Amino acid sequence: AADEKYIWNTLYKIIKNPYGVAGVMGNMYAESGLKSNNLEDSYQSKLGYTDETYTAAVDNGTYTNFVKDWAGYGLVQWTFWTVKQDLYDYAKSKKTSIGDVKMQLECLCEQISGKRMGSEWKKSVWEVLLNAKSVSEASTAFLLNFERPGNTSNGIIGKRAGYAQTYYDRYAK
């Protein structure tokens, strides 16, 4: 897994609210185990790639279907084509690997703050992360309004808030 402390510090510089940072990190842990080169497990056999070979093939241009393959990728498992296109374009503009952790964190924050992708998440996610008064408030907003997994049961909501609380307890000193 990527360096947790690095992810915390990078997000904290942008979000400046420990509840918000913890909420994002708890979801990232559930989505990717905090691995910025994580290819969704069910797609590894489908596409015939590992995390490492998929990342390399996207980077060097031998795999050309990154945007439209519906495979979750990266820290937050970007899946929908518009956000994957934006992530890809951002990585190219920064001249980094698609799996680069700093680039992904910056791109994510620019996407949800409306700097890059309009304002779809600005009120429902970004402003909550900046102003959340609890870990669960931030975690749940990020889960329901950004991640939007197939299962959003109370069990999943609680589990992710629990992961988020772990990061809060570890780093919000």
Protein backbone atom coordinates (compact mmCIF):
# COMPACT_ATOMS: atom_id res chain seq x y z
CA ALA A 1 0.00 0.00 0.00
CA ALA A 2 1.08 3.55 -0.60
CA ASP A 3 2.47 5.48 2.32
CA GLU A 4 -0.58 6.27 4.47
CA LYS A 5 1.08 9.23 6.11
CA TYR A 6 1.97 10.68 2.71
CA ILE A 7 -1.64 10.33 1.52
CA TRP A 8 -2.92 11.89 4.77
CA ASN A 9 -0.50 14.83 4.53
CA THR A 10 -1.14 15.45 0.84
CA LEU A 11 -4.92 15.45 1.28
CA TYR A 12 -4.70 17.51 4.46
CA LYS A 13 -2.81 20.28 2.64
CA ILE A 14 -5.76 20.56 0.24
CA ILE A 15 -8.82 19.74 2.39
CA LYS A 16 -7.56 21.13 5.74
CA ASN A 17 -10.20 19.23 7.73
CA PRO A 18 -9.12 16.00 9.45
CA TYR A 19 -12.67 14.59 9.31
CA GLY A 20 -12.78 15.15 5.57
CA VAL A 21 -9.36 13.61 4.99
CA ALA A 22 -10.24 10.57 7.10
CA GLY A 23 -13.52 10.16 5.23
CA VAL A 24 -11.71 10.05 1.90
CA MET A 25 -9.00 7.70 3.16
CA GLY A 26 -11.46 5.21 4.66
CA ASN A 27 -13.16 4.95 1.28
CA MET A 28 -9.83 4.67 -0.53
CA TYR A 29 -8.86 1.82 1.76
CA ALA A 30 -12.11 0.00 0.97
CA GLU A 31 -11.75 0.62 -2.76
CA SER A 32 -8.04 -0.06 -3.37
CA GLY A 33 -6.24 -0.83 -0.11
CA LEU A 34 -4.57 2.57 -0.73
CA LYS A 35 -2.78 1.16 -3.78
CA SER A 36 -2.60 3.83 -6.47
CA ASN A 37 -1.90 1.26 -9.21
CA ASN A 38 -4.78 -1.01 -8.20
CA LEU A 39 -6.71 -2.55 -11.09
CA GLU A 40 -10.12 -3.85 -9.99
CA ASP A 41 -9.61 -7.50 -9.12
CA SER A 42 -12.41 -8.90 -11.28
CA TYR A 43 -10.89 -7.20 -14.34
CA GLN A 44 -7.41 -8.67 -13.88
CA SER A 45 -8.44 -12.03 -15.32
CA LYS A 46 -10.90 -10.43 -17.77
CA LEU A 47 -8.21 -8.21 -19.27
CA GLY A 48 -5.22 -10.44 -18.60
CA TYR A 49 -3.29 -7.86 -16.59
CA THR A 50 -1.90 -7.44 -13.09
CA ASP A 51 -1.87 -4.05 -11.34
CA GLU A 52 1.70 -3.55 -12.55
CA THR A 53 1.32 -4.71 -16.16
CA TYR A 54 -1.95 -2.77 -16.67
CA THR A 55 -0.35 0.41 -15.33
CA ALA A 56 2.70 -0.05 -17.55
CA ALA A 57 0.57 -0.78 -20.64
CA VAL A 58 -1.58 2.33 -20.07
CA ASP A 59 1.55 4.43 -19.50
CA ASN A 60 3.40 3.23 -22.60
CA GLY A 61 0.33 3.29 -24.85
CA THR A 62 0.13 -0.42 -25.67
CA TYR A 63 -3.23 -0.62 -23.86
CA THR A 64 -5.56 1.91 -25.41
CA ASN A 65 -8.94 1.18 -23.78
CA PHE A 66 -8.26 2.65 -20.31
CA VAL A 67 -11.04 5.20 -20.60
CA LYS A 68 -13.82 2.89 -21.79
CA ASP A 69 -13.00 -0.51 -20.23
CA TRP A 70 -15.17 -0.05 -17.09
CA ALA A 71 -12.35 -1.42 -14.91
CA GLY A 72 -11.98 0.38 -11.60
CA TYR A 73 -8.50 1.82 -11.23
CA GLY A 74 -6.40 3.65 -8.70
CA LEU A 75 -6.88 4.91 -5.17
CA VAL A 76 -10.63 5.53 -5.55
CA GLN A 77 -11.21 2.95 -8.31
CA TRP A 78 -12.13 5.44 -11.01
CA THR A 79 -14.55 3.53 -13.26
CA PHE A 80 -16.93 5.74 -15.26
CA TRP A 81 -15.42 6.84 -18.57
CA THR A 82 -15.62 10.61 -18.00
CA VAL A 83 -13.63 10.49 -14.75
CA LYS A 84 -11.15 7.99 -16.23
CA GLN A 85 -10.66 10.24 -19.26
CA ASP A 86 -10.05 13.17 -16.94
CA LEU A 87 -7.60 11.16 -14.81
CA TYR A 88 -5.77 10.05 -17.96
CA ASP A 89 -5.57 13.60 -19.32
CA TYR A 90 -4.37 14.89 -15.96
CA ALA A 91 -1.62 12.26 -15.75
CA LYS A 92 -0.48 13.11 -19.29
CA SER A 93 -0.44 16.84 -18.47
CA LYS A 94 1.67 16.15 -15.39
CA LYS A 95 3.90 13.70 -17.31
CA THR A 96 3.45 11.04 -14.61
CA SER A 97 2.39 7.43 -14.57
CA ILE A 98 -1.36 6.84 -14.42
CA GLY A 99 -0.57 5.07 -11.14
CA ASP A 100 1.24 8.03 -9.52
CA VAL A 101 -0.14 8.61 -6.03
CA LYS A 102 0.42 12.38 -5.82
CA MET A 103 -1.14 12.96 -9.25
CA GLN A 104 -4.19 10.86 -8.32
CA LEU A 105 -4.73 12.73 -5.04
CA GLU A 106 -4.48 16.10 -6.76
CA CYS A 107 -6.72 15.02 -9.64
CA LEU A 108 -9.34 13.64 -7.26
CA CYS A 109 -9.46 16.91 -5.30
CA GLU A 110 -9.68 18.94 -8.50
CA GLN A 111 -12.48 16.70 -9.78
CA ILE A 112 -14.62 16.89 -6.66
CA SER A 113 -13.97 20.58 -6.00
CA GLY A 114 -15.26 21.40 -9.48
CA LYS A 115 -11.93 22.71 -10.80
CA ARG A 116 -11.80 20.01 -13.45
CA MET A 117 -15.21 18.46 -13.98
CA GLY A 118 -17.88 21.05 -13.44
CA SER A 119 -19.66 21.16 -10.13
CA GLU A 120 -21.29 17.73 -9.93
CA TRP A 121 -19.68 16.95 -6.55
CA LYS A 122 -18.98 20.46 -5.28
CA LYS A 123 -21.86 20.73 -2.81
CA SER A 124 -22.53 17.05 -2.12
CA VAL A 125 -18.92 16.00 -1.56
CA TRP A 126 -16.37 18.80 -1.60
CA GLU A 127 -18.10 21.23 0.75
CA VAL A 128 -18.91 18.37 3.10
CA LEU A 129 -15.24 17.32 3.20
CA LEU A 130 -14.16 20.89 3.94
CA ASN A 131 -16.78 21.43 6.65
CA ALA A 132 -17.61 17.99 8.09
CA LYS A 133 -18.01 17.86 11.86
CA SER A 134 -17.49 14.09 12.09
CA VAL A 135 -15.67 11.26 10.37
CA SER A 136 -18.90 9.48 9.49
CA GLU A 137 -20.42 12.59 7.89
CA ALA A 138 -17.42 12.94 5.56
CA SER A 139 -17.09 9.21 4.87
CA THR A 140 -20.78 8.78 4.05
CA ALA A 141 -20.91 11.81 1.74
CA PHE A 142 -17.88 10.55 -0.19
CA LEU A 143 -19.31 7.02 -0.37
CA LEU A 144 -22.82 7.95 -1.50
CA ASN A 145 -22.04 10.90 -3.77
CA PHE A 146 -18.63 10.08 -5.26
CA GLU A 147 -17.91 6.37 -4.98
CA ARG A 148 -21.51 5.21 -5.50
CA PRO A 149 -20.83 1.46 -5.24
CA GLY A 150 -23.53 -1.08 -6.06
CA ASN A 151 -24.08 -1.77 -2.37
CA THR A 152 -24.71 1.22 -0.11
CA SER A 153 -26.33 -0.65 2.77
CA ASN A 154 -25.98 0.60 6.34
CA GLY A 155 -23.44 -2.19 6.84
CA ILE A 156 -21.21 -0.78 4.07
CA ILE A 157 -21.70 2.79 5.32
CA GLY A 158 -20.70 1.70 8.82
CA LYS A 159 -17.72 -0.33 7.65
CA ARG A 160 -16.30 2.58 5.64
CA ALA A 161 -16.84 5.02 8.49
CA GLY A 162 -14.95 2.54 10.69
CA TYR A 163 -12.00 2.51 8.29
CA ALA A 164 -12.11 6.30 8.19
CA GLN A 165 -12.12 6.48 11.99
CA THR A 166 -8.94 4.39 12.05
CA TYR A 167 -7.11 6.98 9.93
CA TYR A 168 -8.53 9.82 11.98
CA ASP A 169 -7.31 8.20 15.20
CA ARG A 170 -3.91 7.48 13.66
CA TYR A 171 -3.13 10.88 12.11
CA ALA A 172 -5.44 13.62 13.40
CA LYS A 173 -3.24 14.58 16.31
